[in-house]
Amino acid sequence: GSVSQSGVVSAKVLSEEHRTYNPVERERLIREHPQEDEDIMFFDERLCGILQPTRAFGDVALKWSSREKVLLEYVFDEPTFVPNYISPPYLSCTPDVHSAQLNPDTQFLIIATDGLWDGLSDEESVRLIHNKPAGVNSATWLMQHCLAQHNEQRLSRILSIPPGPICRNVRDDITAIVIYFNT
């Protein structure tokens, strides 16, 4: 996030969305899996019908090779949950690496998972950090606003849902880091 001398707040996007609806990511996966049926690989706009992100730290089952899948099924004596596992691995943890020149107006960098960006725009996130009260954790501030969607009662209700399948369908995992420059 940058703040100009005149006080104008702006966001600069430094990454691509690693999701099944991103044409660049779809093409990458199609190139990596030429024998796959696209309708199955991107079933329900999700990778193998399971996950929207195409790159992630977790979700190891979509990263297993065919050999690892067979070995894990043997060890645990049960099939993996990934349907139509034809030419794995599908999910990658390899990041896109970009560089950007910092300037005196650059004040902070927000690094976050898809759960945050599903609820907040880049510009809204930058405005929230710029205007947050002193002493408030920046990442927590963003996550609370993402979940609340401008409604504090909604935030309270969402946070009161106990862990489990209902919770998972109501709120996504959210990880956020805010790095400050020149402070």
Protein backbone atom coordinates (compact mmCIF):
# COMPACT_ATOMS: atom_id res chain seq x y z
CA GLY A 1 0.00 0.00 0.00
CA SER A 2 1.20 3.48 -0.84
CA VAL A 3 0.25 6.88 0.49
CA SER A 4 1.26 9.88 -1.60
CA GLN A 5 2.45 13.20 -0.19
CA SER A 6 -1.08 14.52 -0.80
CA GLY A 7 -2.60 11.64 1.20
CA VAL A 8 -3.90 9.54 -1.71
CA VAL A 9 -3.96 5.86 -0.76
CA SER A 10 -3.38 3.29 -3.49
CA ALA A 11 -2.88 -0.44 -3.93
CA LYS A 12 -0.47 -2.13 -6.33
CA VAL A 13 -1.18 -5.79 -7.06
CA LEU A 14 2.01 -7.85 -7.12
CA SER A 15 0.64 -11.31 -7.87
CA GLU A 16 -1.70 -13.33 -10.03
CA GLU A 17 -4.70 -15.11 -8.57
CA HIS A 18 -3.78 -18.78 -8.48
CA ARG A 19 -7.28 -20.07 -9.05
CA THR A 20 -9.08 -22.29 -11.51
CA TYR A 21 -10.84 -19.32 -13.15
CA ASN A 22 -7.54 -17.58 -13.97
CA PRO A 23 -6.88 -18.33 -17.67
CA VAL A 24 -3.09 -18.37 -17.12
CA GLU A 25 -3.38 -20.99 -14.36
CA ARG A 26 -5.89 -23.05 -16.36
CA GLU A 27 -3.55 -23.11 -19.35
CA ARG A 28 -0.62 -24.10 -17.15
CA LEU A 29 -2.58 -27.05 -15.74
CA ILE A 30 -3.83 -28.10 -19.18
CA ARG A 31 -0.22 -28.09 -20.46
CA GLU A 32 0.92 -30.14 -17.43
CA HIS A 33 -1.96 -32.64 -17.82
CA PRO A 34 -2.59 -33.04 -21.57
CA GLN A 35 -4.43 -36.37 -21.19
CA GLU A 36 -6.93 -34.96 -18.69
CA ASP A 37 -10.50 -34.09 -19.54
CA GLU A 38 -10.79 -30.37 -18.74
CA ASP A 39 -14.40 -30.75 -17.57
CA ILE A 40 -13.26 -33.27 -14.96
CA MET A 41 -10.04 -31.48 -13.96
CA PHE A 42 -11.98 -28.22 -13.45
CA PHE A 43 -15.27 -29.76 -12.29
CA ASP A 44 -17.53 -27.22 -10.57
CA GLU A 45 -14.86 -24.54 -11.23
CA ARG A 46 -12.59 -26.34 -8.73
CA LEU A 47 -9.39 -28.27 -9.19
CA CYS A 48 -10.53 -31.93 -9.33
CA GLY A 49 -13.88 -30.67 -8.06
CA ILE A 50 -12.32 -29.95 -4.66
CA LEU A 51 -10.34 -26.71 -4.45
CA GLN A 52 -10.39 -23.32 -6.19
CA PRO A 53 -6.74 -22.41 -5.56
CA THR A 54 -4.24 -23.97 -7.96
CA ARG A 55 -1.26 -23.27 -5.71
CA ALA A 56 -1.20 -23.69 -1.95
CA PHE A 57 0.92 -24.67 1.04
CA GLY A 58 -1.55 -27.27 2.30
CA ASP A 59 -4.01 -29.66 0.65
CA VAL A 60 -1.34 -32.31 0.25
CA ALA A 61 -3.66 -34.92 -1.30
CA LEU A 62 -3.71 -32.92 -4.54
CA LYS A 63 0.11 -32.83 -4.55
CA TRP A 64 0.67 -36.59 -4.32
CA SER A 65 2.19 -38.34 -7.30
CA SER A 66 0.52 -41.53 -8.53
CA ARG A 67 3.16 -43.57 -6.71
CA GLU A 68 2.66 -41.71 -3.42
CA LYS A 69 -1.11 -42.13 -3.74
CA VAL A 70 -0.80 -45.91 -4.10
CA LEU A 71 1.65 -46.11 -1.20
CA LEU A 72 -0.56 -44.01 1.10
CA GLU A 73 -3.63 -46.05 0.18
CA TYR A 74 -1.68 -49.19 1.07
CA VAL A 75 -0.37 -47.78 4.37
CA PHE A 76 -3.73 -46.45 5.53
CA ASP A 77 -5.76 -49.24 3.91
CA GLU A 78 -8.27 -46.82 2.44
CA PRO A 79 -8.60 -44.92 -0.85
CA THR A 80 -7.66 -41.27 -1.10
CA PHE A 81 -10.57 -38.86 -1.36
CA VAL A 82 -9.48 -37.33 -4.67
CA PRO A 83 -11.75 -38.54 -7.50
CA ASN A 84 -10.47 -38.92 -11.07
CA TYR A 85 -6.82 -38.85 -10.00
CA ILE A 86 -5.37 -39.51 -13.45
CA SER A 87 -2.09 -37.58 -13.86
CA PRO A 88 -1.13 -36.07 -10.52
CA PRO A 89 0.12 -33.95 -8.93
CA TYR A 90 -2.37 -31.16 -9.65
CA LEU A 91 -1.73 -28.62 -6.92
CA SER A 92 1.56 -26.77 -6.70
CA CYS A 93 3.25 -24.85 -3.92
CA THR A 94 5.61 -23.15 -6.38
CA PRO A 95 5.07 -19.40 -6.10
CA ASP A 96 5.10 -16.77 -8.79
CA VAL A 97 7.95 -14.47 -7.85
CA HIS A 98 7.69 -10.82 -8.80
CA SER A 99 9.76 -7.84 -7.86
CA ALA A 100 8.68 -4.26 -7.46
CA GLN A 101 10.60 -1.09 -6.85
CA LEU A 102 9.78 0.48 -3.50
CA ASN A 103 9.44 4.23 -3.42
CA PRO A 104 9.13 6.68 -0.52
CA ASP A 105 5.31 6.43 -0.70
CA THR A 106 5.34 2.65 -0.19
CA GLN A 107 4.31 2.06 3.41
CA PHE A 108 3.31 -1.60 3.67
CA LEU A 109 2.82 -4.93 1.93
CA ILE A 110 -0.15 -7.24 2.51
CA ILE A 111 0.45 -10.95 1.91
CA ALA A 112 -2.72 -13.03 2.29
CA THR A 113 -4.49 -16.19 1.25
CA ASP A 114 -7.55 -16.33 -0.99
CA GLY A 115 -9.88 -16.23 2.02
CA LEU A 116 -9.00 -12.58 2.61
CA TRP A 117 -9.21 -11.53 -1.03
CA ASP A 118 -12.61 -13.23 -1.38
CA GLY A 119 -13.99 -10.72 1.12
CA LEU A 120 -11.94 -7.57 0.56
CA SER A 121 -10.70 -5.80 -2.52
CA ASP A 122 -7.08 -4.70 -2.81
CA GLU A 123 -8.07 -1.04 -2.46
CA GLU A 124 -10.32 -1.68 0.53
CA SER A 125 -7.57 -3.64 2.28
CA VAL A 126 -5.07 -0.82 1.77
CA ARG A 127 -7.56 1.78 3.05
CA LEU A 128 -8.30 -0.36 6.11
CA ILE A 129 -4.62 -0.67 7.01
CA HIS A 130 -3.98 3.01 6.40
CA ASN A 131 -6.92 4.02 8.63
CA LYS A 132 -6.69 1.34 11.35
CA PRO A 133 -6.53 2.47 14.98
CA ALA A 134 -3.09 2.56 16.61
CA GLY A 135 -2.22 -0.52 18.63
CA VAL A 136 -4.50 -2.85 16.64
CA ASN A 137 -2.87 -5.84 14.95
CA SER A 138 -3.00 -5.14 11.21
CA ALA A 139 -3.58 -8.73 10.05
CA THR A 140 -6.33 -9.28 12.63
CA TRP A 141 -7.94 -5.98 11.61
CA LEU A 142 -8.09 -7.13 7.98
CA MET A 143 -9.48 -10.56 8.84
CA GLN A 144 -12.18 -9.11 11.10
CA HIS A 145 -13.31 -6.72 8.37
CA CYS A 146 -13.26 -9.49 5.81
CA LEU A 147 -15.53 -11.67 7.93
CA ALA A 148 -17.77 -8.84 9.15
CA GLN A 149 -18.53 -7.39 5.71
CA HIS A 150 -19.43 -4.07 7.40
CA ASN A 151 -21.66 -5.78 9.99
CA GLU A 152 -20.28 -6.34 13.52
CA GLN A 153 -23.13 -8.69 14.43
CA ARG A 154 -22.20 -10.84 11.44
CA LEU A 155 -18.61 -11.03 12.69
CA SER A 156 -19.74 -12.10 16.13
CA ARG A 157 -22.06 -14.76 14.71
CA ILE A 158 -19.44 -16.13 12.32
CA LEU A 159 -16.79 -16.34 15.03
CA SER A 160 -19.19 -18.14 17.38
CA ILE A 161 -19.70 -21.08 14.99
CA PRO A 162 -17.79 -24.05 16.44
CA PRO A 163 -15.14 -25.78 14.30
CA GLY A 164 -16.53 -28.38 11.93
CA PRO A 165 -18.22 -28.74 8.54
CA ILE A 166 -20.72 -25.90 9.05
CA CYS A 167 -17.95 -23.52 10.03
CA ARG A 168 -15.88 -24.52 7.00
CA ASN A 169 -18.80 -23.71 4.67
CA VAL A 170 -19.36 -20.31 6.30
CA ARG A 171 -15.81 -18.98 6.56
CA ASP A 172 -12.70 -19.82 4.61
CA ASP A 173 -9.25 -20.20 6.10
CA ILE A 174 -7.65 -16.77 6.19
CA THR A 175 -3.98 -16.05 6.66
CA ALA A 176 -2.65 -12.50 6.44
CA ILE A 177 0.69 -10.82 7.06
CA VAL A 178 1.26 -7.07 6.91
CA ILE A 179 4.85 -5.90 6.49
CA TYR A 180 5.59 -2.22 7.14
CA PHE A 181 8.29 -0.18 5.41
CA ASN A 182 9.79 3.14 6.51
CA THR A 183 8.21 3.12 9.95
